[in-house]
Amino acid sequence: MLSRLIYASAVADDLRADELNRMLAHARLRNASRGITGMLAFDSRSFLQVIEGSRRALSDLYAALLRDPRHRDVQMLKFARIDARLFPDWSMGFMPADLTPRTMLARHAPMPHFDPGALDGESAEALLVAFGAALADRTAPVPLH
């Protein structure tokens, strides 16, 4: 069964760009080997992520996130069975949310700044899809900070 899980969390401590790069590289390798795809948005304070794959793989990954000391206040925003992936080509797409235009946030979020904990599952999914579309349209690499 194919599923989608969306969660938000706060960063437990400052996360430097090099640490974030290592985390992304590790996640991309691990996710690819487990059949997980997805998208991560991050703004130095908060994570918003969608992951797609088998129910078992997502449950295992979410359990690991709950134990990860880099995350605090982890909130599951959505967990659903799906027929198709939104991010089939990305083991982990990445969008620096602090570079997001306010107009994009205003269309999908209740406030003009990135605050994943204030989103419901549908709004979080719509925002991540918009991030994915913006990322797919970019021709240059995305800066981390």
C-alpha atoms as a PDB file:
ATOM      1  CA  MET A   1       0.000   0.000   0.000  1.00  0.00           C
ATOM      2  CA  LEU A   2       1.386   3.396  -1.011  1.00  0.00           C
ATOM      3  CA  SER A   3       1.048   6.147   1.608  1.00  0.00           C
ATOM      4  CA  ARG A   4       1.898   9.801   2.200  1.00  0.00           C
ATOM      5  CA  LEU A   5       3.014  11.265   5.514  1.00  0.00           C
ATOM      6  CA  ILE A   6       3.409  14.983   6.200  1.00  0.00           C
ATOM      7  CA  TYR A   7       4.951  16.291   9.389  1.00  0.00           C
ATOM      8  CA  ALA A   8       6.243  19.524  10.877  1.00  0.00           C
ATOM      9  CA  SER A   9       8.899  19.930  13.529  1.00  0.00           C
ATOM     10  CA  ALA A  10      11.047  22.571  15.158  1.00  0.00           C
ATOM     11  CA  VAL A  11      14.824  22.483  14.989  1.00  0.00           C
ATOM     12  CA  ALA A  12      16.198  21.495  18.393  1.00  0.00           C
ATOM     13  CA  ASP A  13      19.456  23.455  17.987  1.00  0.00           C
ATOM     14  CA  ASP A  14      21.064  25.624  15.360  1.00  0.00           C
ATOM     15  CA  LEU A  15      21.601  23.554  12.230  1.00  0.00           C
ATOM     16  CA  ARG A  16      24.519  24.771  10.142  1.00  0.00           C
ATOM     17  CA  ALA A  17      24.441  24.572   6.348  1.00  0.00           C
ATOM     18  CA  ASP A  18      27.097  21.833   6.277  1.00  0.00           C
ATOM     19  CA  GLU A  19      25.083  19.739   8.767  1.00  0.00           C
ATOM     20  CA  LEU A  20      21.957  20.225   6.679  1.00  0.00           C
ATOM     21  CA  ASN A  21      23.841  19.158   3.542  1.00  0.00           C
ATOM     22  CA  ARG A  22      25.050  15.977   5.274  1.00  0.00           C
ATOM     23  CA  MET A  23      21.542  15.267   6.556  1.00  0.00           C
ATOM     24  CA  LEU A  24      20.072  15.700   3.051  1.00  0.00           C
ATOM     25  CA  ALA A  25      22.724  13.513   1.420  1.00  0.00           C
ATOM     26  CA  HIS A  26      22.140  10.753   3.965  1.00  0.00           C
ATOM     27  CA  ALA A  27      18.343  11.009   3.614  1.00  0.00           C
ATOM     28  CA  ARG A  28      18.535  10.854  -0.172  1.00  0.00           C
ATOM     29  CA  LEU A  29      20.593   7.666  -0.107  1.00  0.00           C
ATOM     30  CA  ARG A  30      18.518   6.023   2.609  1.00  0.00           C
ATOM     31  CA  ASN A  31      15.206   7.009   1.037  1.00  0.00           C
ATOM     32  CA  ALA A  32      16.214   5.794  -2.415  1.00  0.00           C
ATOM     33  CA  SER A  33      17.112   2.389  -0.992  1.00  0.00           C
ATOM     34  CA  ARG A  34      13.746   2.177   0.812  1.00  0.00           C
ATOM     35  CA  GLY A  35      11.534   3.373  -2.035  1.00  0.00           C
ATOM     36  CA  ILE A  36      10.725   6.671  -0.284  1.00  0.00           C
ATOM     37  CA  THR A  37      10.254   9.924  -2.184  1.00  0.00           C
ATOM     38  CA  GLY A  38       9.465  13.367  -0.871  1.00  0.00           C
ATOM     39  CA  MET A  39      10.120  17.031  -0.328  1.00  0.00           C
ATOM     40  CA  LEU A  40      11.637  18.941   2.585  1.00  0.00           C
ATOM     41  CA  ALA A  41      11.209  22.629   3.354  1.00  0.00           C
ATOM     42  CA  PHE A  42      13.413  24.234   6.010  1.00  0.00           C
ATOM     43  CA  ASP A  43      13.975  27.784   7.241  1.00  0.00           C
ATOM     44  CA  SER A  44      16.608  27.401  10.023  1.00  0.00           C
ATOM     45  CA  ARG A  45      13.860  27.101  12.674  1.00  0.00           C
ATOM     46  CA  SER A  46      11.368  24.601  11.273  1.00  0.00           C
ATOM     47  CA  PHE A  47      11.030  21.562   9.059  1.00  0.00           C
ATOM     48  CA  LEU A  48       8.031  20.704   6.884  1.00  0.00           C
ATOM     49  CA  GLN A  49       8.320  17.423   5.051  1.00  0.00           C
ATOM     50  CA  VAL A  50       6.249  15.078   2.943  1.00  0.00           C
ATOM     51  CA  ILE A  51       7.408  11.501   2.460  1.00  0.00           C
ATOM     52  CA  GLU A  52       5.813   8.889   0.225  1.00  0.00           C
ATOM     53  CA  GLY A  53       6.301   5.147   0.106  1.00  0.00           C
ATOM     54  CA  SER A  54       5.091   1.954   1.693  1.00  0.00           C
ATOM     55  CA  ARG A  55       3.203   2.287   4.947  1.00  0.00           C
ATOM     56  CA  ARG A  56       5.886   0.271   6.745  1.00  0.00           C
ATOM     57  CA  ALA A  57       8.770   2.387   5.389  1.00  0.00           C
ATOM     58  CA  LEU A  58       7.007   5.623   6.388  1.00  0.00           C
ATOM     59  CA  SER A  59       6.127   4.318   9.854  1.00  0.00           C
ATOM     60  CA  ASP A  60       9.751   3.279  10.423  1.00  0.00           C
ATOM     61  CA  LEU A  61      11.060   6.637   9.225  1.00  0.00           C
ATOM     62  CA  TYR A  62       8.588   8.593  11.347  1.00  0.00           C
ATOM     63  CA  ALA A  63       9.529   6.565  14.431  1.00  0.00           C
ATOM     64  CA  ALA A  64      13.188   7.422  13.763  1.00  0.00           C
ATOM     65  CA  LEU A  65      12.296  11.126  13.430  1.00  0.00           C
ATOM     66  CA  LEU A  66      10.609  11.057  16.817  1.00  0.00           C
ATOM     67  CA  ARG A  67      13.897   9.830  18.338  1.00  0.00           C
ATOM     68  CA  ASP A  68      16.115  12.214  16.323  1.00  0.00           C
ATOM     69  CA  PRO A  69      17.608  14.858  18.655  1.00  0.00           C
ATOM     70  CA  ARG A  70      17.651  17.436  15.817  1.00  0.00           C
ATOM     71  CA  HIS A  71      13.830  17.565  15.884  1.00  0.00           C
ATOM     72  CA  ARG A  72      11.501  18.713  18.629  1.00  0.00           C
ATOM     73  CA  ASP A  73       7.754  19.242  18.745  1.00  0.00           C
ATOM     74  CA  VAL A  74       7.187  16.781  15.901  1.00  0.00           C
ATOM     75  CA  GLN A  75       3.581  16.975  14.649  1.00  0.00           C
ATOM     76  CA  MET A  76       2.052  14.587  12.156  1.00  0.00           C
ATOM     77  CA  LEU A  77      -0.115  16.733   9.904  1.00  0.00           C
ATOM     78  CA  LYS A  78      -1.351  14.028   7.552  1.00  0.00           C
ATOM     79  CA  PHE A  79      -1.051  10.311   6.956  1.00  0.00           C
ATOM     80  CA  ALA A  80      -3.064   8.876   4.089  1.00  0.00           C
ATOM     81  CA  ARG A  81      -3.222   6.073   1.607  1.00  0.00           C
ATOM     82  CA  ILE A  82      -2.533   7.350  -1.909  1.00  0.00           C
ATOM     83  CA  ASP A  83      -2.845   6.087  -5.464  1.00  0.00           C
ATOM     84  CA  ALA A  84       0.096   8.084  -6.872  1.00  0.00           C
ATOM     85  CA  ARG A  85       3.119   9.967  -5.618  1.00  0.00           C
ATOM     86  CA  LEU A  86       3.380  13.754  -5.780  1.00  0.00           C
ATOM     87  CA  PHE A  87       7.203  13.583  -5.856  1.00  0.00           C
ATOM     88  CA  PRO A  88       8.029  10.404  -7.781  1.00  0.00           C
ATOM     89  CA  ASP A  89      11.427  11.587  -9.010  1.00  0.00           C
ATOM     90  CA  TRP A  90      12.923  12.927  -5.779  1.00  0.00           C
ATOM     91  CA  SER A  91      14.299  10.790  -2.981  1.00  0.00           C
ATOM     92  CA  MET A  92      14.324  14.119  -1.137  1.00  0.00           C
ATOM     93  CA  GLY A  93      13.635  17.424  -2.837  1.00  0.00           C
ATOM     94  CA  PHE A  94      14.691  20.472  -0.850  1.00  0.00           C
ATOM     95  CA  MET A  95      13.387  24.034  -0.694  1.00  0.00           C
ATOM     96  CA  PRO A  96      14.857  26.662   1.636  1.00  0.00           C
ATOM     97  CA  ALA A  97      11.614  28.103   2.978  1.00  0.00           C
ATOM     98  CA  ASP A  98      13.225  31.375   4.020  1.00  0.00           C
ATOM     99  CA  LEU A  99      13.689  32.140   0.293  1.00  0.00           C
ATOM    100  CA  THR A 100      10.019  31.538  -0.461  1.00  0.00           C
ATOM    101  CA  PRO A 101       8.083  34.518  -1.820  1.00  0.00           C
ATOM    102  CA  ARG A 102       5.465  35.763   0.647  1.00  0.00           C
ATOM    103  CA  THR A 103       2.841  35.507  -2.077  1.00  0.00           C
ATOM    104  CA  MET A 104       3.375  31.728  -2.243  1.00  0.00           C
ATOM    105  CA  LEU A 105       3.016  31.418   1.518  1.00  0.00           C
ATOM    106  CA  ALA A 106      -0.062  33.655   1.528  1.00  0.00           C
ATOM    107  CA  ARG A 107      -1.847  31.356  -0.945  1.00  0.00           C
ATOM    108  CA  HIS A 108      -1.382  28.275   1.245  1.00  0.00           C
ATOM    109  CA  ALA A 109      -0.741  29.378   4.824  1.00  0.00           C
ATOM    110  CA  PRO A 110      -2.679  31.353   7.422  1.00  0.00           C
ATOM    111  CA  MET A 111       0.251  33.750   7.931  1.00  0.00           C
ATOM    112  CA  PRO A 112       2.818  35.451   5.678  1.00  0.00           C
ATOM    113  CA  HIS A 113       5.802  33.661   7.210  1.00  0.00           C
ATOM    114  CA  PHE A 114       6.847  30.000   7.254  1.00  0.00           C
ATOM    115  CA  ASP A 115       5.221  28.363  10.290  1.00  0.00           C
ATOM    116  CA  PRO A 116       4.599  24.672   9.523  1.00  0.00           C
ATOM    117  CA  GLY A 117       3.079  23.982  12.942  1.00  0.00           C
ATOM    118  CA  ALA A 118       0.187  26.325  12.101  1.00  0.00           C
ATOM    119  CA  LEU A 119      -0.773  24.352   8.977  1.00  0.00           C
ATOM    120  CA  ASP A 120      -3.354  21.614   8.633  1.00  0.00           C
ATOM    121  CA  GLY A 121      -2.578  18.597   6.466  1.00  0.00           C
ATOM    122  CA  GLU A 122      -4.232  19.914   3.314  1.00  0.00           C
ATOM    123  CA  SER A 123      -2.564  23.328   3.511  1.00  0.00           C
ATOM    124  CA  ALA A 124       0.817  21.719   4.220  1.00  0.00           C
ATOM    125  CA  GLU A 125       0.416  19.424   1.220  1.00  0.00           C
ATOM    126  CA  ALA A 126      -0.578  22.305  -1.065  1.00  0.00           C
ATOM    127  CA  LEU A 127       2.402  24.369   0.109  1.00  0.00           C
ATOM    128  CA  LEU A 128       4.830  21.477  -0.429  1.00  0.00           C
ATOM    129  CA  VAL A 129       3.423  20.898  -3.927  1.00  0.00           C
ATOM    130  CA  ALA A 130       3.943  24.616  -4.680  1.00  0.00           C
ATOM    131  CA  PHE A 131       7.502  24.365  -3.349  1.00  0.00           C
ATOM    132  CA  GLY A 132       8.084  21.311  -5.533  1.00  0.00           C
ATOM    133  CA  ALA A 133       6.796  23.117  -8.610  1.00  0.00           C
ATOM    134  CA  ALA A 134       9.012  26.123  -7.872  1.00  0.00           C
ATOM    135  CA  LEU A 135      12.004  23.863  -7.341  1.00  0.00           C
ATOM    136  CA  ALA A 136      11.338  21.961 -10.582  1.00  0.00           C
ATOM    137  CA  ASP A 137      11.246  25.299 -12.459  1.00  0.00           C
ATOM    138  CA  ARG A 138      14.661  26.374 -11.178  1.00  0.00           C
ATOM    139  CA  THR A 139      17.653  25.897 -13.421  1.00  0.00           C
ATOM    140  CA  ALA A 140      20.288  26.960 -10.885  1.00  0.00           C
ATOM    141  CA  PRO A 141      21.180  25.089  -7.688  1.00  0.00           C
ATOM    142  CA  VAL A 142      19.218  26.126  -4.598  1.00  0.00           C
ATOM    143  CA  PRO A 143      21.363  27.896  -1.965  1.00  0.00           C
ATOM    144  CA  LEU A 144      21.054  26.585   1.579  1.00  0.00           C
ATOM    145  CA  HIS A 145      21.585  29.865   3.451  1.00  0.00           C
END
